[in-house]
């Protein structure tokens, strides 16, 4: 009996852990319902096994064989298997749904990452381009200002030369007279 109670305590502890994980990971009450049904079934199965072990220890083999060949053991174990399989199926369906959502979120994250990368590359390319255009514009403005200044200087020199030339012609006329 102590042997079975140790198993029972381990099983109950494991079922509590599974229940806690199920509560924290799913909103589906069907999975919890299967766990609720499973606990008394396991208690019955362990009590059944404990009775058989006690009968075996008391050397009452006819009672052991009658109990084992009876209709309680196999159907109870089949019911436990069915409940466990139903629970596992619900959890696998939930896992598949979670994987689907994860893949969708990863796809969205990948799109955001790629879009951000493309935007950063475009910014990295356009910044030097606009800097180059601004530099060219400033250089063109500088050349234009220098050309205007040179033109003004040339105009001023031409005016002075015209005056000097006019004064020279007046001087030549006075000198030739």
C-alpha atoms as a PDB file:
ATOM      1  CA  UNK A   1       0.000   0.000   0.000  1.00  0.00           C
ATOM      2  CA  UNK A   2       2.877   2.361   0.779  1.00  0.00           C
ATOM      3  CA  UNK A   3       4.366   1.497  -2.588  1.00  0.00           C
ATOM      4  CA  UNK A   4       1.187   2.598  -4.394  1.00  0.00           C
ATOM      5  CA  UNK A   5       0.726   5.685  -2.234  1.00  0.00           C
ATOM      6  CA  UNK A   6       4.205   6.890  -3.258  1.00  0.00           C
ATOM      7  CA  UNK A   7       3.177   6.467  -6.889  1.00  0.00           C
ATOM      8  CA  UNK A   8      -0.110   8.198  -6.167  1.00  0.00           C
ATOM      9  CA  UNK A   9       1.649  11.164  -4.594  1.00  0.00           C
ATOM     10  CA  UNK A  10       4.020  11.454  -7.588  1.00  0.00           C
ATOM     11  CA  UNK A  11       1.133  11.204 -10.021  1.00  0.00           C
ATOM     12  CA  UNK A  12      -0.933  13.776  -8.129  1.00  0.00           C
ATOM     13  CA  UNK A  13       2.082  16.090  -7.979  1.00  0.00           C
ATOM     14  CA  UNK A  14       2.677  15.677 -11.719  1.00  0.00           C
ATOM     15  CA  UNK A  15      -1.008  16.264 -12.483  1.00  0.00           C
ATOM     16  CA  UNK A  16      -0.930  19.470 -10.406  1.00  0.00           C
ATOM     17  CA  UNK A  17       2.107  20.675 -12.377  1.00  0.00           C
ATOM     18  CA  UNK A  18       0.399  19.831 -15.664  1.00  0.00           C
ATOM     19  CA  UNK A  19      -2.774  21.578 -14.469  1.00  0.00           C
ATOM     20  CA  UNK A  20      -0.826  24.680 -13.463  1.00  0.00           C
ATOM     21  CA  UNK A  21       0.944  24.796 -16.830  1.00  0.00           C
ATOM     22  CA  UNK A  22      -2.371  24.256 -18.592  1.00  0.00           C
ATOM     23  CA  UNK A  23      -4.030  27.071 -16.638  1.00  0.00           C
ATOM     24  CA  UNK A  24      -1.188  29.480 -17.375  1.00  0.00           C
ATOM     25  CA  UNK A  25      -0.913  28.591 -21.052  1.00  0.00           C
ATOM     26  CA  UNK A  26      -4.456  28.176 -22.312  1.00  0.00           C
ATOM     27  CA  UNK A  27      -7.902  29.638 -21.985  1.00  0.00           C
ATOM     28  CA  UNK A  28      -9.425  26.318 -23.037  1.00  0.00           C
ATOM     29  CA  UNK A  29     -11.411  24.707 -20.217  1.00  0.00           C
ATOM     30  CA  UNK A  30     -11.725  21.426 -22.144  1.00  0.00           C
ATOM     31  CA  UNK A  31      -8.122  20.511 -21.320  1.00  0.00           C
ATOM     32  CA  UNK A  32      -8.711  21.255 -17.640  1.00  0.00           C
ATOM     33  CA  UNK A  33     -11.885  19.172 -17.739  1.00  0.00           C
ATOM     34  CA  UNK A  34      -9.925  16.169 -18.979  1.00  0.00           C
ATOM     35  CA  UNK A  35      -7.423  16.628 -16.151  1.00  0.00           C
ATOM     36  CA  UNK A  36     -10.270  16.863 -13.622  1.00  0.00           C
ATOM     37  CA  UNK A  37     -11.719  13.586 -14.926  1.00  0.00           C
ATOM     38  CA  UNK A  38      -8.293  11.925 -14.975  1.00  0.00           C
ATOM     39  CA  UNK A  39      -7.463  12.358 -11.264  1.00  0.00           C
ATOM     40  CA  UNK A  40     -10.271  10.166  -9.822  1.00  0.00           C
ATOM     41  CA  UNK A  41      -9.705   7.593 -12.570  1.00  0.00           C
ATOM     42  CA  UNK A  42      -6.048   7.299 -11.593  1.00  0.00           C
ATOM     43  CA  UNK A  43      -7.066   7.022  -7.937  1.00  0.00           C
ATOM     44  CA  UNK A  44      -9.406   4.161  -8.864  1.00  0.00           C
ATOM     45  CA  UNK A  45      -6.718   2.435 -10.928  1.00  0.00           C
ATOM     46  CA  UNK A  46      -4.146   2.680  -8.129  1.00  0.00           C
ATOM     47  CA  UNK A  47      -6.688   1.429  -5.573  1.00  0.00           C
ATOM     48  CA  UNK A  48      -7.453  -1.460  -7.933  1.00  0.00           C
ATOM     49  CA  UNK A  49      -3.746  -2.247  -8.281  1.00  0.00           C
ATOM     50  CA  UNK A  50      -3.247  -1.942  -4.517  1.00  0.00           C
ATOM     51  CA  UNK A  51      -6.071  -4.437  -3.899  1.00  0.00           C
ATOM     52  CA  UNK A  52      -4.468  -6.860  -6.337  1.00  0.00           C
ATOM     53  CA  UNK A  53      -1.050  -6.435  -4.707  1.00  0.00           C
ATOM     54  CA  UNK A  54      -2.536  -7.049  -1.259  1.00  0.00           C
ATOM     55  CA  UNK A  55      -4.373 -10.103  -2.545  1.00  0.00           C
ATOM     56  CA  UNK A  56      -1.121 -11.347  -4.116  1.00  0.00           C
ATOM     57  CA  UNK A  57       0.781 -10.820  -0.844  1.00  0.00           C
ATOM     58  CA  UNK A  58      -1.884 -12.723   1.059  1.00  0.00           C
ATOM     59  CA  UNK A  59      -1.452 -15.553  -1.456  1.00  0.00           C
ATOM     60  CA  UNK A  60      -5.091 -15.462  -2.517  1.00  0.00           C
ATOM     61  CA  UNK A  61      -4.340 -16.240  -6.147  1.00  0.00           C
ATOM     62  CA  UNK A  62      -7.900 -17.118  -7.122  1.00  0.00           C
ATOM     63  CA  UNK A  63      -9.065 -13.690  -5.979  1.00  0.00           C
ATOM     64  CA  UNK A  64      -6.119 -12.067  -7.818  1.00  0.00           C
ATOM     65  CA  UNK A  65      -6.956 -13.885 -11.068  1.00  0.00           C
ATOM     66  CA  UNK A  66     -10.652 -13.177 -10.671  1.00  0.00           C
ATOM     67  CA  UNK A  67      -9.904  -9.495 -10.052  1.00  0.00           C
ATOM     68  CA  UNK A  68      -7.428  -9.242 -12.952  1.00  0.00           C
ATOM     69  CA  UNK A  69      -9.741 -11.089 -15.331  1.00  0.00           C
ATOM     70  CA  UNK A  70     -12.670  -8.998 -14.139  1.00  0.00           C
ATOM     71  CA  UNK A  71     -14.118  -6.136 -16.072  1.00  0.00           C
ATOM     72  CA  UNK A  72     -12.711  -3.260 -14.039  1.00  0.00           C
ATOM     73  CA  UNK A  73      -8.971  -3.056 -14.896  1.00  0.00           C
ATOM     74  CA  UNK A  74      -8.756  -2.894 -18.689  1.00  0.00           C
ATOM     75  CA  UNK A  75     -11.724  -0.562 -19.310  1.00  0.00           C
ATOM     76  CA  UNK A  76     -10.470   1.766 -16.575  1.00  0.00           C
ATOM     77  CA  UNK A  77      -7.012   1.870 -18.151  1.00  0.00           C
ATOM     78  CA  UNK A  78      -8.568   2.435 -21.590  1.00  0.00           C
ATOM     79  CA  UNK A  79     -10.566   5.328 -20.135  1.00  0.00           C
ATOM     80  CA  UNK A  80      -7.373   6.799 -18.670  1.00  0.00           C
ATOM     81  CA  UNK A  81      -5.675   6.453 -22.065  1.00  0.00           C
ATOM     82  CA  UNK A  82      -8.636   8.093 -23.780  1.00  0.00           C
ATOM     83  CA  UNK A  83      -8.647  11.054 -21.380  1.00  0.00           C
ATOM     84  CA  UNK A  84      -4.879  11.464 -21.698  1.00  0.00           C
ATOM     85  CA  UNK A  85      -5.096  11.282 -25.498  1.00  0.00           C
ATOM     86  CA  UNK A  86      -7.887  13.873 -25.500  1.00  0.00           C
ATOM     87  CA  UNK A  87      -5.829  16.151 -23.262  1.00  0.00           C
ATOM     88  CA  UNK A  88      -2.742  15.671 -25.431  1.00  0.00           C
ATOM     89  CA  UNK A  89      -4.757  16.373 -28.601  1.00  0.00           C
ATOM     90  CA  UNK A  90      -6.128  19.608 -27.128  1.00  0.00           C
ATOM     91  CA  UNK A  91      -2.630  20.667 -26.086  1.00  0.00           C
ATOM     92  CA  UNK A  92      -1.183  19.752 -29.509  1.00  0.00           C
ATOM     93  CA  UNK A  93      -3.929  21.764 -31.227  1.00  0.00           C
ATOM     94  CA  UNK A  94      -3.161  24.705 -28.943  1.00  0.00           C
ATOM     95  CA  UNK A  95       0.541  24.301 -29.670  1.00  0.00           C
ATOM     96  CA  UNK A  96      -0.131  24.256 -33.425  1.00  0.00           C
ATOM     97  CA  UNK A  97      -2.246  27.399 -33.082  1.00  0.00           C
ATOM     98  CA  UNK A  98       0.451  29.097 -30.992  1.00  0.00           C
ATOM     99  CA  UNK A  99       3.075  28.107 -33.583  1.00  0.00           C
ATOM    100  CA  UNK A 100       0.884  29.557 -36.312  1.00  0.00           C
ATOM    101  CA  UNK A 101       0.591  32.848 -34.408  1.00  0.00           C
ATOM    102  CA  UNK A 102       4.323  32.813 -33.686  1.00  0.00           C
ATOM    103  CA  UNK A 103       5.130  32.300 -37.369  1.00  0.00           C
ATOM    104  CA  UNK A 104       2.762  35.113 -38.319  1.00  0.00           C
ATOM    105  CA  UNK A 105       4.352  37.436 -35.759  1.00  0.00           C
ATOM    106  CA  UNK A 106       7.831  36.421 -36.914  1.00  0.00           C
ATOM    107  CA  UNK A 107       6.833  37.152 -40.513  1.00  0.00           C
ATOM    108  CA  UNK A 108       5.558  40.588 -39.455  1.00  0.00           C
ATOM    109  CA  UNK A 109       8.725  41.228 -37.481  1.00  0.00           C
ATOM    110  CA  UNK A 110      10.807  40.191 -40.479  1.00  0.00           C
ATOM    111  CA  UNK A 111       8.845  42.607 -42.709  1.00  0.00           C
ATOM    112  CA  UNK A 112       9.345  45.434 -40.204  1.00  0.00           C
ATOM    113  CA  UNK A 113      13.041  44.609 -39.960  1.00  0.00           C
ATOM    114  CA  UNK A 114      13.510  44.522 -43.730  1.00  0.00           C
ATOM    115  CA  UNK A 115      11.490  47.727 -44.214  1.00  0.00           C
ATOM    116  CA  UNK A 116      13.505  49.493 -41.547  1.00  0.00           C
ATOM    117  CA  UNK A 117      16.744  48.256 -43.094  1.00  0.00           C
ATOM    118  CA  UNK A 118      15.699  49.490 -46.538  1.00  0.00           C
ATOM    119  CA  UNK A 119      14.706  52.855 -45.076  1.00  0.00           C
ATOM    120  CA  UNK A 120      18.043  53.152 -43.280  1.00  0.00           C
ATOM    121  CA  UNK A 121      19.922  52.269 -46.472  1.00  0.00           C
ATOM    122  CA  UNK A 122      17.936  54.881 -48.407  1.00  0.00           C
ATOM    123  CA  UNK A 123      18.689  57.464 -45.750  1.00  0.00           C
ATOM    124  CA  UNK A 124      22.338  56.462 -45.764  1.00  0.00           C
ATOM    125  CA  UNK A 125      22.453  56.947 -49.545  1.00  0.00           C
ATOM    126  CA  UNK A 126      20.364  60.127 -49.771  1.00  0.00           C
ATOM    127  CA  UNK A 127      22.234  62.001 -47.034  1.00  0.00           C
ATOM    128  CA  UNK A 128      25.561  62.021 -48.924  1.00  0.00           C
ATOM    129  CA  UNK A 129      23.696  62.751 -52.175  1.00  0.00           C
ATOM    130  CA  UNK A 130      21.951  65.812 -50.691  1.00  0.00           C
ATOM    131  CA  UNK A 131      25.205  66.858 -49.036  1.00  0.00           C
ATOM    132  CA  UNK A 132      26.918  66.585 -52.448  1.00  0.00           C
ATOM    133  CA  UNK A 133      24.125  68.611 -54.114  1.00  0.00           C
ATOM    134  CA  UNK A 134      24.356  71.302 -51.433  1.00  0.00           C
ATOM    135  CA  UNK A 135      28.111  71.445 -51.834  1.00  0.00           C
ATOM    136  CA  UNK A 136      27.722  71.739 -55.632  1.00  0.00           C
ATOM    137  CA  UNK A 137      25.117  74.473 -55.163  1.00  0.00           C
ATOM    138  CA  UNK A 138      27.407  76.401 -52.811  1.00  0.00           C
ATOM    139  CA  UNK A 139      30.304  75.925 -55.200  1.00  0.00           C
ATOM    140  CA  UNK A 140      28.154  77.196 -58.086  1.00  0.00           C
ATOM    141  CA  UNK A 141      27.100  80.209 -55.981  1.00  0.00           C
ATOM    142  CA  UNK A 142      30.744  80.834 -55.142  1.00  0.00           C
ATOM    143  CA  UNK A 143      31.729  80.649 -58.837  1.00  0.00           C
ATOM    144  CA  UNK A 144      28.829  82.996 -59.730  1.00  0.00           C
ATOM    145  CA  UNK A 145      29.879  85.508 -57.041  1.00  0.00           C
ATOM    146  CA  UNK A 146      33.492  85.333 -58.185  1.00  0.00           C
ATOM    147  CA  UNK A 147      32.388  85.799 -61.788  1.00  0.00           C
ATOM    148  CA  UNK A 148      30.313  88.846 -60.790  1.00  0.00           C
ATOM    149  CA  UNK A 149      33.203  90.237 -58.797  1.00  0.00           C
ATOM    150  CA  UNK A 150      35.575  89.614 -61.703  1.00  0.00           C
ATOM    151  CA  UNK A 151      33.067  91.229 -64.078  1.00  0.00           C
ATOM    152  CA  UNK A 152      32.777  94.261 -61.809  1.00  0.00           C
ATOM    153  CA  UNK A 153      36.548  94.512 -61.590  1.00  0.00           C
ATOM    154  CA  UNK A 154      36.815  94.125 -65.379  1.00  0.00           C
ATOM    155  CA  UNK A 155      34.080  96.747 -65.878  1.00  0.00           C
ATOM    156  CA  UNK A 156      35.854  99.098 -63.480  1.00  0.00           C
ATOM    157  CA  UNK A 157      39.188  98.503 -65.253  1.00  0.00           C
ATOM    158  CA  UNK A 158      37.518  99.042 -68.649  1.00  0.00           C
ATOM    159  CA  UNK A 159      35.989 102.291 -67.401  1.00  0.00           C
ATOM    160  CA  UNK A 160      39.375 103.445 -66.108  1.00  0.00           C
ATOM    161  CA  UNK A 161      41.067 102.394 -69.335  1.00  0.00           C
ATOM    162  CA  UNK A 162      38.407 104.239 -71.352  1.00  0.00           C
ATOM    163  CA  UNK A 163      39.015 107.354 -69.263  1.00  0.00           C
ATOM    164  CA  UNK A 164      42.764 106.989 -69.600  1.00  0.00           C
ATOM    165  CA  UNK A 165      42.338 106.402 -73.342  1.00  0.00           C
ATOM    166  CA  UNK A 166      40.099 109.465 -73.628  1.00  0.00           C
ATOM    167  CA  UNK A 167      42.588 111.527 -71.625  1.00  0.00           C
ATOM    168  CA  UNK A 168      45.386 110.214 -73.800  1.00  0.00           C
ATOM    169  CA  UNK A 169      43.551 111.186 -76.992  1.00  0.00           C
ATOM    170  CA  UNK A 170      42.885 114.642 -75.567  1.00  0.00           C
ATOM    171  CA  UNK A 171      46.555 114.897 -74.664  1.00  0.00           C
ATOM    172  CA  UNK A 172      47.618 113.800 -78.127  1.00  0.00           C
ATOM    173  CA  UNK A 173      45.303 116.359 -79.714  1.00  0.00           C
ATOM    174  CA  UNK A 174      46.734 119.079 -77.515  1.00  0.00           C
ATOM    175  CA  UNK A 175      50.212 117.925 -78.220  1.00  0.00           C
ATOM    176  CA  UNK A 176      49.689 117.721 -81.929  1.00  0.00           C
ATOM    177  CA  UNK A 177      48.353 121.236 -82.058  1.00  0.00           C
END
